[in-house]
C-alpha atoms as a PDB file:
ATOM      1  CA  MET A   1     -13.428   5.583 -10.800  1.00  0.00           C
ATOM      2  CA  ASP A   2     -11.740   3.930 -13.723  1.00  0.00           C
ATOM      3  CA  TYR A   3      -7.938   3.841 -13.594  1.00  0.00           C
ATOM      4  CA  ASN A   4      -5.932   4.663 -16.808  1.00  0.00           C
ATOM      5  CA  PHE A   5      -2.389   3.754 -15.922  1.00  0.00           C
ATOM      6  CA  LYS A   6      -1.214   4.665 -19.365  1.00  0.00           C
ATOM      7  CA  ASN A   7      -2.084   8.329 -18.687  1.00  0.00           C
ATOM      8  CA  LYS A   8      -0.779   8.942 -15.206  1.00  0.00           C
ATOM      9  CA  THR A   9       0.962   7.527 -12.159  1.00  0.00           C
ATOM     10  CA  TYR A  10      -1.465   7.323  -9.333  1.00  0.00           C
ATOM     11  CA  ILE A  11      -0.677   8.639  -5.810  1.00  0.00           C
ATOM     12  CA  MET A  12      -2.003   6.762  -2.715  1.00  0.00           C
ATOM     13  CA  GLY A  13      -1.916   8.928   0.401  1.00  0.00           C
ATOM     14  CA  ILE A  14      -1.315   7.050   3.704  1.00  0.00           C
ATOM     15  CA  LEU A  15      -3.843   7.702   6.501  1.00  0.00           C
ATOM     16  CA  ASN A  16      -2.863   5.758   9.542  1.00  0.00           C
ATOM     17  CA  VAL A  17      -5.598   6.154  12.290  1.00  0.00           C
ATOM     18  CA  THR A  18      -3.408   4.321  14.741  1.00  0.00           C
ATOM     19  CA  PRO A  19      -1.506   5.293  17.910  1.00  0.00           C
ATOM     20  CA  ASP A  20       1.590   3.332  16.977  1.00  0.00           C
ATOM     21  CA  SER A  21       2.431   3.352  13.254  1.00  0.00           C
ATOM     22  CA  PHE A  22       6.126   3.871  12.494  1.00  0.00           C
ATOM     23  CA  SER A  23       5.836   7.312  10.888  1.00  0.00           C
ATOM     24  CA  ASP A  24       2.699   9.082  11.930  1.00  0.00           C
ATOM     25  CA  GLY A  25       1.261   6.948  14.763  1.00  0.00           C
ATOM     26  CA  GLY A  26      -0.890   9.127  17.006  1.00  0.00           C
ATOM     27  CA  LYS A  27      -1.259  12.123  14.655  1.00  0.00           C
ATOM     28  CA  TYR A  28      -4.520  11.105  12.974  1.00  0.00           C
ATOM     29  CA  ASN A  29      -6.082   8.609  15.453  1.00  0.00           C
ATOM     30  CA  SER A  30      -9.022  10.930  16.155  1.00  0.00           C
ATOM     31  CA  VAL A  31     -11.786  11.144  13.530  1.00  0.00           C
ATOM     32  CA  ASP A  32     -11.476  14.914  13.272  1.00  0.00           C
ATOM     33  CA  ASN A  33      -7.838  14.835  12.711  1.00  0.00           C
ATOM     34  CA  ALA A  34      -8.066  11.951  10.144  1.00  0.00           C
ATOM     35  CA  ILE A  35     -10.716  13.802   8.149  1.00  0.00           C
ATOM     36  CA  ALA A  36      -8.608  16.941   8.101  1.00  0.00           C
ATOM     37  CA  ARG A  37      -5.558  15.038   7.009  1.00  0.00           C
ATOM     38  CA  ALA A  38      -7.550  13.215   4.173  1.00  0.00           C
ATOM     39  CA  LYS A  39      -8.828  16.671   2.923  1.00  0.00           C
ATOM     40  CA  ILE A  40      -5.278  18.002   2.810  1.00  0.00           C
ATOM     41  CA  MET A  41      -3.914  14.959   0.920  1.00  0.00           C
ATOM     42  CA  ILE A  42      -6.855  15.231  -1.613  1.00  0.00           C
ATOM     43  CA  GLU A  43      -6.133  18.907  -2.161  1.00  0.00           C
ATOM     44  CA  GLU A  44      -2.422  18.153  -2.655  1.00  0.00           C
ATOM     45  CA  GLY A  45      -3.115  15.596  -5.416  1.00  0.00           C
ATOM     46  CA  ALA A  46      -3.812  12.171  -3.795  1.00  0.00           C
ATOM     47  CA  ASP A  47      -5.819   9.962  -6.119  1.00  0.00           C
ATOM     48  CA  ILE A  48      -6.526   7.306  -3.318  1.00  0.00           C
ATOM     49  CA  ILE A  49      -6.489   7.444   0.451  1.00  0.00           C
ATOM     50  CA  ASP A  50      -5.336   4.304   2.178  1.00  0.00           C
ATOM     51  CA  VAL A  51      -6.976   4.012   5.703  1.00  0.00           C
ATOM     52  CA  GLY A  52      -5.212   1.666   8.078  1.00  0.00           C
ATOM     53  CA  GLY A  53      -6.253   0.999  11.689  1.00  0.00           C
ATOM     54  CA  GLU A  54      -3.611  -1.613  12.737  1.00  0.00           C
ATOM     55  CA  SER A  55       0.132  -0.865  12.646  1.00  0.00           C
ATOM     56  CA  THR A  56       2.077  -3.371  10.683  1.00  0.00           C
ATOM     57  CA  ARG A  57       5.524  -1.880  11.453  1.00  0.00           C
ATOM     58  CA  PRO A  58       8.112  -4.452  12.526  1.00  0.00           C
ATOM     59  CA  ASN A  59       7.499  -6.028  15.916  1.00  0.00           C
ATOM     60  CA  SER A  60       3.996  -4.714  15.975  1.00  0.00           C
ATOM     61  CA  THR A  61       1.331  -6.683  17.749  1.00  0.00           C
ATOM     62  CA  LYS A  62      -2.191  -7.484  16.421  1.00  0.00           C
ATOM     63  CA  ILE A  63      -5.261  -5.715  17.761  1.00  0.00           C
ATOM     64  CA  SER A  64      -8.833  -7.031  17.967  1.00  0.00           C
ATOM     65  CA  VAL A  65     -11.362  -6.779  15.228  1.00  0.00           C
ATOM     66  CA  ASP A  66     -13.548  -4.570  17.312  1.00  0.00           C
ATOM     67  CA  GLU A  67     -10.686  -2.209  18.008  1.00  0.00           C
ATOM     68  CA  GLU A  68      -9.771  -1.899  14.428  1.00  0.00           C
ATOM     69  CA  LEU A  69     -13.370  -1.290  13.345  1.00  0.00           C
ATOM     70  CA  LEU A  70     -13.667   1.525  15.936  1.00  0.00           C
ATOM     71  CA  ARG A  71     -10.787   3.150  14.417  1.00  0.00           C
ATOM     72  CA  VAL A  72     -11.397   2.866  10.659  1.00  0.00           C
ATOM     73  CA  ILE A  73     -15.111   2.813  10.079  1.00  0.00           C
ATOM     74  CA  PRO A  74     -16.123   6.318  11.372  1.00  0.00           C
ATOM     75  CA  VAL A  75     -13.191   7.753   9.332  1.00  0.00           C
ATOM     76  CA  ILE A  76     -14.250   5.944   6.069  1.00  0.00           C
ATOM     77  CA  GLU A  77     -17.939   7.017   6.545  1.00  0.00           C
ATOM     78  CA  LYS A  78     -16.872  10.581   6.810  1.00  0.00           C
ATOM     79  CA  ILE A  79     -14.208  10.870   4.039  1.00  0.00           C
ATOM     80  CA  ARG A  80     -16.245   8.988   1.452  1.00  0.00           C
ATOM     81  CA  GLU A  81     -18.089  12.241   0.951  1.00  0.00           C
ATOM     82  CA  PHE A  82     -14.992  13.790  -0.778  1.00  0.00           C
ATOM     83  CA  VAL A  83     -12.621  10.918  -1.445  1.00  0.00           C
ATOM     84  CA  PRO A  84     -13.436   8.997  -4.640  1.00  0.00           C
ATOM     85  CA  ASN A  85     -11.076   6.069  -3.928  1.00  0.00           C
ATOM     86  CA  ILE A  86     -10.688   4.690  -0.429  1.00  0.00           C
ATOM     87  CA  SER A  87      -8.404   1.757   0.296  1.00  0.00           C
ATOM     88  CA  ILE A  88      -8.838  -0.304   3.460  1.00  0.00           C
ATOM     89  CA  ASP A  89      -5.467  -1.323   4.685  1.00  0.00           C
ATOM     90  CA  SER A  90      -6.396  -4.613   6.640  1.00  0.00           C
ATOM     91  CA  SER A  91      -5.892  -8.293   6.877  1.00  0.00           C
ATOM     92  CA  LYS A  92      -9.007  -9.062   8.672  1.00  0.00           C
ATOM     93  CA  SER A  93     -12.123 -10.189   6.644  1.00  0.00           C
ATOM     94  CA  GLN A  94     -14.486  -8.737   9.201  1.00  0.00           C
ATOM     95  CA  VAL A  95     -12.921  -5.408   8.975  1.00  0.00           C
ATOM     96  CA  ILE A  96     -12.733  -5.350   5.231  1.00  0.00           C
ATOM     97  CA  GLU A  97     -16.380  -6.320   4.852  1.00  0.00           C
ATOM     98  CA  LYS A  98     -17.471  -3.481   7.115  1.00  0.00           C
ATOM     99  CA  ALA A  99     -15.170  -1.051   5.411  1.00  0.00           C
ATOM    100  CA  ILE A 100     -16.493  -1.809   1.975  1.00  0.00           C
ATOM    101  CA  ASP A 101     -20.063  -1.212   3.283  1.00  0.00           C
ATOM    102  CA  ALA A 102     -18.831   2.057   4.723  1.00  0.00           C
ATOM    103  CA  GLY A 103     -17.396   3.259   1.389  1.00  0.00           C
ATOM    104  CA  ALA A 104     -14.031   1.593   0.708  1.00  0.00           C
ATOM    105  CA  ASN A 105     -13.572   0.354  -2.894  1.00  0.00           C
ATOM    106  CA  ILE A 106     -10.022  -1.026  -2.704  1.00  0.00           C
ATOM    107  CA  VAL A 107      -8.617  -3.694  -0.351  1.00  0.00           C
ATOM    108  CA  ASN A 108      -4.958  -3.551   0.659  1.00  0.00           C
ATOM    109  CA  ASP A 109      -4.024  -7.002   2.271  1.00  0.00           C
ATOM    110  CA  ILE A 110      -0.451  -7.331   3.430  1.00  0.00           C
ATOM    111  CA  TYR A 111      -0.743 -11.111   3.132  1.00  0.00           C
ATOM    112  CA  GLY A 112      -1.823 -11.094  -0.385  1.00  0.00           C
ATOM    113  CA  LEU A 113      -4.987 -13.185   0.210  1.00  0.00           C
ATOM    114  CA  GLN A 114      -2.895 -16.008   1.673  1.00  0.00           C
ATOM    115  CA  ASN A 115      -3.869 -15.531   5.313  1.00  0.00           C
ATOM    116  CA  ASP A 116      -7.766 -14.888   5.718  1.00  0.00           C
ATOM    117  CA  LYS A 117      -9.360 -16.913   3.040  1.00  0.00           C
ATOM    118  CA  ARG A 118     -12.615 -14.967   3.225  1.00  0.00           C
ATOM    119  CA  ILE A 119     -11.057 -11.858   1.911  1.00  0.00           C
ATOM    120  CA  ALA A 120     -10.891 -13.060  -1.641  1.00  0.00           C
ATOM    121  CA  LYS A 121     -14.543 -13.958  -1.787  1.00  0.00           C
ATOM    122  CA  ILE A 122     -15.518 -10.536  -0.261  1.00  0.00           C
ATOM    123  CA  VAL A 123     -13.416  -8.710  -2.852  1.00  0.00           C
ATOM    124  CA  ALA A 124     -14.977 -10.770  -5.712  1.00  0.00           C
ATOM    125  CA  LYS A 125     -18.555 -10.153  -4.421  1.00  0.00           C
ATOM    126  CA  ASN A 126     -18.051  -6.452  -4.131  1.00  0.00           C
ATOM    127  CA  LYS A 127     -16.066  -6.123  -7.395  1.00  0.00           C
ATOM    128  CA  CYS A 128     -13.304  -4.147  -5.489  1.00  0.00           C
ATOM    129  CA  LYS A 129      -9.756  -3.730  -6.445  1.00  0.00           C
ATOM    130  CA  ILE A 130      -7.374  -5.923  -4.470  1.00  0.00           C
ATOM    131  CA  ILE A 131      -3.680  -5.009  -3.686  1.00  0.00           C
ATOM    132  CA  ILE A 132      -1.784  -8.277  -3.353  1.00  0.00           C
ATOM    133  CA  MET A 133       1.262  -7.613  -1.212  1.00  0.00           C
ATOM    134  CA  HIS A 134       4.144  -9.929  -0.594  1.00  0.00           C
ATOM    135  CA  ILE A 135       5.383 -10.496   2.949  1.00  0.00           C
ATOM    136  CA  LYS A 136       7.705 -13.039   4.544  1.00  0.00           C
ATOM    137  CA  GLY A 137       6.554 -13.933   7.953  1.00  0.00           C
ATOM    138  CA  THR A 138       4.393 -11.563   9.990  1.00  0.00           C
ATOM    139  CA  PRO A 139       4.850  -8.009  11.161  1.00  0.00           C
ATOM    140  CA  LYS A 140       5.795  -9.451  14.561  1.00  0.00           C
ATOM    141  CA  ASN A 141       8.793 -11.465  13.106  1.00  0.00           C
ATOM    142  CA  MET A 142       9.275 -10.360   9.496  1.00  0.00           C
ATOM    143  CA  GLN A 143      12.579  -8.442  10.197  1.00  0.00           C
ATOM    144  CA  ASN A 144      14.187 -11.232  12.157  1.00  0.00           C
ATOM    145  CA  ASN A 145      17.050 -11.801   9.666  1.00  0.00           C
ATOM    146  CA  PRO A 146      14.924 -12.563   6.494  1.00  0.00           C
ATOM    147  CA  LYS A 147      16.657 -14.818   4.001  1.00  0.00           C
ATOM    148  CA  TYR A 148      15.966 -15.652   0.320  1.00  0.00           C
ATOM    149  CA  ASN A 149      17.550 -18.002  -2.170  1.00  0.00           C
ATOM    150  CA  ASP A 150      16.314 -16.031  -5.076  1.00  0.00           C
ATOM    151  CA  LEU A 151      14.489 -12.911  -3.948  1.00  0.00           C
ATOM    152  CA  ASN A 152      12.557 -11.789  -6.979  1.00  0.00           C
ATOM    153  CA  SER A 153      11.659 -15.194  -8.172  1.00  0.00           C
ATOM    154  CA  GLU A 154      10.281 -16.110  -4.747  1.00  0.00           C
ATOM    155  CA  ILE A 155       8.179 -12.957  -4.813  1.00  0.00           C
ATOM    156  CA  ILE A 156       6.828 -13.811  -8.221  1.00  0.00           C
ATOM    157  CA  ASP A 157       5.960 -17.295  -7.006  1.00  0.00           C
ATOM    158  CA  TYR A 158       4.132 -15.788  -4.091  1.00  0.00           C
ATOM    159  CA  PHE A 159       2.226 -13.496  -6.456  1.00  0.00           C
ATOM    160  CA  ASN A 160       1.297 -16.389  -8.736  1.00  0.00           C
ATOM    161  CA  LYS A 161      -0.161 -18.277  -5.656  1.00  0.00           C
ATOM    162  CA  SER A 162      -2.113 -15.252  -4.655  1.00  0.00           C
ATOM    163  CA  ILE A 163      -3.377 -14.488  -8.266  1.00  0.00           C
ATOM    164  CA  GLU A 164      -4.593 -18.150  -8.395  1.00  0.00           C
ATOM    165  CA  ILE A 165      -6.575 -17.655  -5.107  1.00  0.00           C
ATOM    166  CA  ALA A 166      -8.014 -14.415  -6.463  1.00  0.00           C
ATOM    167  CA  ARG A 167      -9.034 -15.913  -9.831  1.00  0.00           C
ATOM    168  CA  THR A 168     -10.589 -19.053  -8.085  1.00  0.00           C
ATOM    169  CA  ALA A 169     -12.671 -16.718  -5.811  1.00  0.00           C
ATOM    170  CA  GLY A 170     -13.893 -14.888  -8.948  1.00  0.00           C
ATOM    171  CA  ILE A 171     -11.836 -11.700  -8.845  1.00  0.00           C
ATOM    172  CA  ASN A 172     -11.239 -10.311 -12.341  1.00  0.00           C
ATOM    173  CA  ASP A 173      -7.713  -9.736 -13.575  1.00  0.00           C
ATOM    174  CA  GLU A 174      -8.399  -6.027 -14.084  1.00  0.00           C
ATOM    175  CA  ASN A 175      -9.037  -5.629 -10.415  1.00  0.00           C
ATOM    176  CA  ILE A 176      -5.574  -7.051  -9.260  1.00  0.00           C
ATOM    177  CA  ILE A 177      -2.658  -4.812  -8.273  1.00  0.00           C
ATOM    178  CA  LEU A 178       0.693  -6.179  -7.041  1.00  0.00           C
ATOM    179  CA  ASP A 179       2.927  -4.742  -4.336  1.00  0.00           C
ATOM    180  CA  PRO A 180       6.343  -6.430  -3.703  1.00  0.00           C
ATOM    181  CA  GLY A 181       6.155  -5.332  -0.038  1.00  0.00           C
ATOM    182  CA  ILE A 182       9.191  -3.166   0.584  1.00  0.00           C
ATOM    183  CA  GLY A 183      10.281  -3.608   4.196  1.00  0.00           C
ATOM    184  CA  PHE A 184       8.046  -6.578   4.893  1.00  0.00           C
ATOM    185  CA  GLY A 185      10.454  -9.358   5.514  1.00  0.00           C
ATOM    186  CA  LYS A 186      13.274  -7.683   3.545  1.00  0.00           C
ATOM    187  CA  SER A 187      16.835  -6.518   4.364  1.00  0.00           C
ATOM    188  CA  VAL A 188      18.169  -3.248   3.124  1.00  0.00           C
ATOM    189  CA  ASN A 189      19.800  -4.877   0.088  1.00  0.00           C
ATOM    190  CA  ASP A 190      16.626  -6.850  -0.603  1.00  0.00           C
ATOM    191  CA  ASN A 191      14.603  -3.595  -0.792  1.00  0.00           C
ATOM    192  CA  LEU A 192      17.201  -2.154  -3.124  1.00  0.00           C
ATOM    193  CA  GLU A 193      17.202  -5.251  -5.296  1.00  0.00           C
ATOM    194  CA  ILE A 194      13.474  -5.055  -5.600  1.00  0.00           C
ATOM    195  CA  ILE A 195      13.486  -1.448  -6.582  1.00  0.00           C
ATOM    196  CA  LYS A 196      16.184  -1.921  -9.156  1.00  0.00           C
ATOM    197  CA  ASN A 197      14.312  -4.808 -10.791  1.00  0.00           C
ATOM    198  CA  ILE A 198      10.782  -3.829 -10.192  1.00  0.00           C
ATOM    199  CA  SER A 199      10.022  -4.032 -13.917  1.00  0.00           C
ATOM    200  CA  ARG A 200      10.181  -7.948 -13.536  1.00  0.00           C
ATOM    201  CA  PHE A 201       6.910  -7.760 -11.557  1.00  0.00           C
ATOM    202  CA  LYS A 202       5.323  -5.650 -14.383  1.00  0.00           C
ATOM    203  CA  GLN A 203       5.919  -8.581 -16.754  1.00  0.00           C
ATOM    204  CA  LEU A 204       3.185 -10.520 -14.814  1.00  0.00           C
ATOM    205  CA  GLY A 205       0.677  -8.224 -16.625  1.00  0.00           C
ATOM    206  CA  TYR A 206      -0.765  -6.372 -13.676  1.00  0.00           C
ATOM    207  CA  PRO A 207      -0.360  -2.775 -12.264  1.00  0.00           C
ATOM    208  CA  VAL A 208       2.346  -2.528  -9.612  1.00  0.00           C
ATOM    209  CA  LEU A 209       2.319  -0.404  -6.477  1.00  0.00           C
ATOM    210  CA  LEU A 210       5.447   0.731  -4.712  1.00  0.00           C
ATOM    211  CA  GLY A 211       5.523   1.733  -1.030  1.00  0.00           C
ATOM    212  CA  THR A 212       8.833   3.071   0.152  1.00  0.00           C
ATOM    213  CA  SER A 213       7.775   6.199   1.903  1.00  0.00           C
ATOM    214  CA  ARG A 214       9.949   7.081   4.866  1.00  0.00           C
ATOM    215  CA  LYS A 215      10.848   3.428   5.443  1.00  0.00           C
ATOM    216  CA  SER A 216      13.844   2.347   7.620  1.00  0.00           C
ATOM    217  CA  PHE A 217      16.060   1.160   4.798  1.00  0.00           C
ATOM    218  CA  ILE A 218      16.143   4.841   3.599  1.00  0.00           C
ATOM    219  CA  GLY A 219      17.122   5.885   7.148  1.00  0.00           C
ATOM    220  CA  LYS A 220      19.848   3.280   7.352  1.00  0.00           C
ATOM    221  CA  ILE A 221      21.368   4.331   3.996  1.00  0.00           C
ATOM    222  CA  THR A 222      21.099   8.141   4.610  1.00  0.00           C
ATOM    223  CA  ASP A 223      21.372   8.107   8.389  1.00  0.00           C
ATOM    224  CA  THR A 224      18.203  10.189   8.672  1.00  0.00           C
ATOM    225  CA  GLU A 225      15.239  10.163  11.112  1.00  0.00           C
ATOM    226  CA  ILE A 226      11.705   9.181   9.904  1.00  0.00           C
ATOM    227  CA  SER A 227      10.629  12.808   9.413  1.00  0.00           C
ATOM    228  CA  ASP A 228      13.627  13.566   7.300  1.00  0.00           C
ATOM    229  CA  ARG A 229      13.344  11.008   4.612  1.00  0.00           C
ATOM    230  CA  LEU A 230      11.398  12.827   1.917  1.00  0.00           C
ATOM    231  CA  ALA A 231      14.283  13.090  -0.555  1.00  0.00           C
ATOM    232  CA  GLY A 232      15.190   9.469  -0.147  1.00  0.00           C
ATOM    233  CA  SER A 233      11.618   8.394  -0.622  1.00  0.00           C
ATOM    234  CA  ILE A 234      11.245  10.484  -3.863  1.00  0.00           C
ATOM    235  CA  ALA A 235      14.473   8.975  -5.277  1.00  0.00           C
ATOM    236  CA  THR A 236      13.094   5.488  -4.757  1.00  0.00           C
ATOM    237  CA  ILE A 237       9.768   6.076  -6.348  1.00  0.00           C
ATOM    238  CA  SER A 238      11.550   7.874  -9.185  1.00  0.00           C
ATOM    239  CA  VAL A 239      13.441   4.709  -9.992  1.00  0.00           C
ATOM    240  CA  GLY A 240      10.164   2.817  -9.750  1.00  0.00           C
ATOM    241  CA  ILE A 241       8.209   5.053 -11.990  1.00  0.00           C
ATOM    242  CA  LEU A 242      10.857   5.048 -14.699  1.00  0.00           C
ATOM    243  CA  GLN A 243      10.427   1.237 -14.763  1.00  0.00           C
ATOM    244  CA  GLY A 244       6.644   1.363 -15.065  1.00  0.00           C
ATOM    245  CA  VAL A 245       5.278   1.516 -11.556  1.00  0.00           C
ATOM    246  CA  ASP A 246       1.677   2.478 -11.620  1.00  0.00           C
ATOM    247  CA  ILE A 247       0.784   3.517  -8.056  1.00  0.00           C
ATOM    248  CA  VAL A 248       3.078   5.041  -5.255  1.00  0.00           C
ATOM    249  CA  ARG A 249       2.011   4.866  -1.669  1.00  0.00           C
ATOM    250  CA  VAL A 250       3.315   7.880   0.190  1.00  0.00           C
ATOM    251  CA  HIS A 251       3.011  10.081   3.304  1.00  0.00           C
ATOM    252  CA  ASP A 252       4.138  13.316   1.520  1.00  0.00           C
ATOM    253  CA  VAL A 253       1.542  13.939  -1.239  1.00  0.00           C
ATOM    254  CA  LYS A 254       2.277  17.438  -2.195  1.00  0.00           C
ATOM    255  CA  GLU A 255       6.029  16.922  -2.899  1.00  0.00           C
ATOM    256  CA  THR A 256       5.457  13.508  -4.490  1.00  0.00           C
ATOM    257  CA  LYS A 257       2.866  15.055  -6.809  1.00  0.00           C
ATOM    258  CA  GLN A 258       5.480  17.466  -8.143  1.00  0.00           C
ATOM    259  CA  ALA A 259       7.945  14.642  -8.824  1.00  0.00           C
ATOM    260  CA  VAL A 260       5.379  12.396 -10.373  1.00  0.00           C
ATOM    261  CA  LYS A 261       4.248  15.190 -12.801  1.00  0.00           C
ATOM    262  CA  ILE A 262       7.779  15.512 -14.062  1.00  0.00           C
ATOM    263  CA  LEU A 263       8.521  11.743 -14.274  1.00  0.00           C
ATOM    264  CA  ASP A 264       5.156  11.155 -16.131  1.00  0.00           C
ATOM    265  CA  LYS A 265       6.215  13.788 -18.646  1.00  0.00           C
ATOM    266  CA  ILE A 266       9.641  12.145 -19.058  1.00  0.00           C
ATOM    267  CA  ILE A 267       8.171   8.725 -19.678  1.00  0.00           C
ATOM    268  CA  GLY A 268       5.397  10.104 -22.052  1.00  0.00           C
ATOM    269  CA  LYS A 269       2.352   9.764 -19.976  1.00  0.00           C
ATOM    270  CA  LYS A 270      -0.442  12.309 -20.673  1.00  0.00           C
END
């Protein structure tokens, strides 16, 4: 599928096939439940399904390659029959390689190609899209009092390094998407600063993805539990879309779709 970001904002539906993800861990970690959830999200208006087999919530621990493969590959093989765009949310080259063989056509790497050096070559070989995310630290330690001298400039420097890795491996510019990594080594104020100034990342010349759905900074501001953060999530993506965000990564597809349709009309997308 070709993406035309001038015409619409794309919705990425989150499908965590994990027992321990922060929002929906355990809900979809059987193949049948995951397939059913993917079908619902497509019916509700998702353009992309992002399949993740390893939790990257704060203080999470890594799992083995074999365990991650057991979680994601059967799901991808089944949902490719009705999902045109499948993203594999992984930072392991072995998992990514098998996921692409199974039907994934987007790679979502939380380390932005800077951890596992094989990922860039795999993406280039398969001509997939790559979501380059910014993270400070690792999921295990990223929320241990993160500090920045100049937040947005440091994220841009990180992006530039990742883009150079991508280009050197042979990834075409049109296949690069940037994600500033809300909640990945960021304080509440850091997250707000990123959202308020997200148009700065658009100036790099690549599509930008925003993933704020149900995240803890919304709960801290609004004093709400994870299941009660829809309004806060939509507020954050609205600010992003009005600044040119191209993809929003969400749990609540139906409600987000309605908001996106209105926002796209306001900003003049077709």
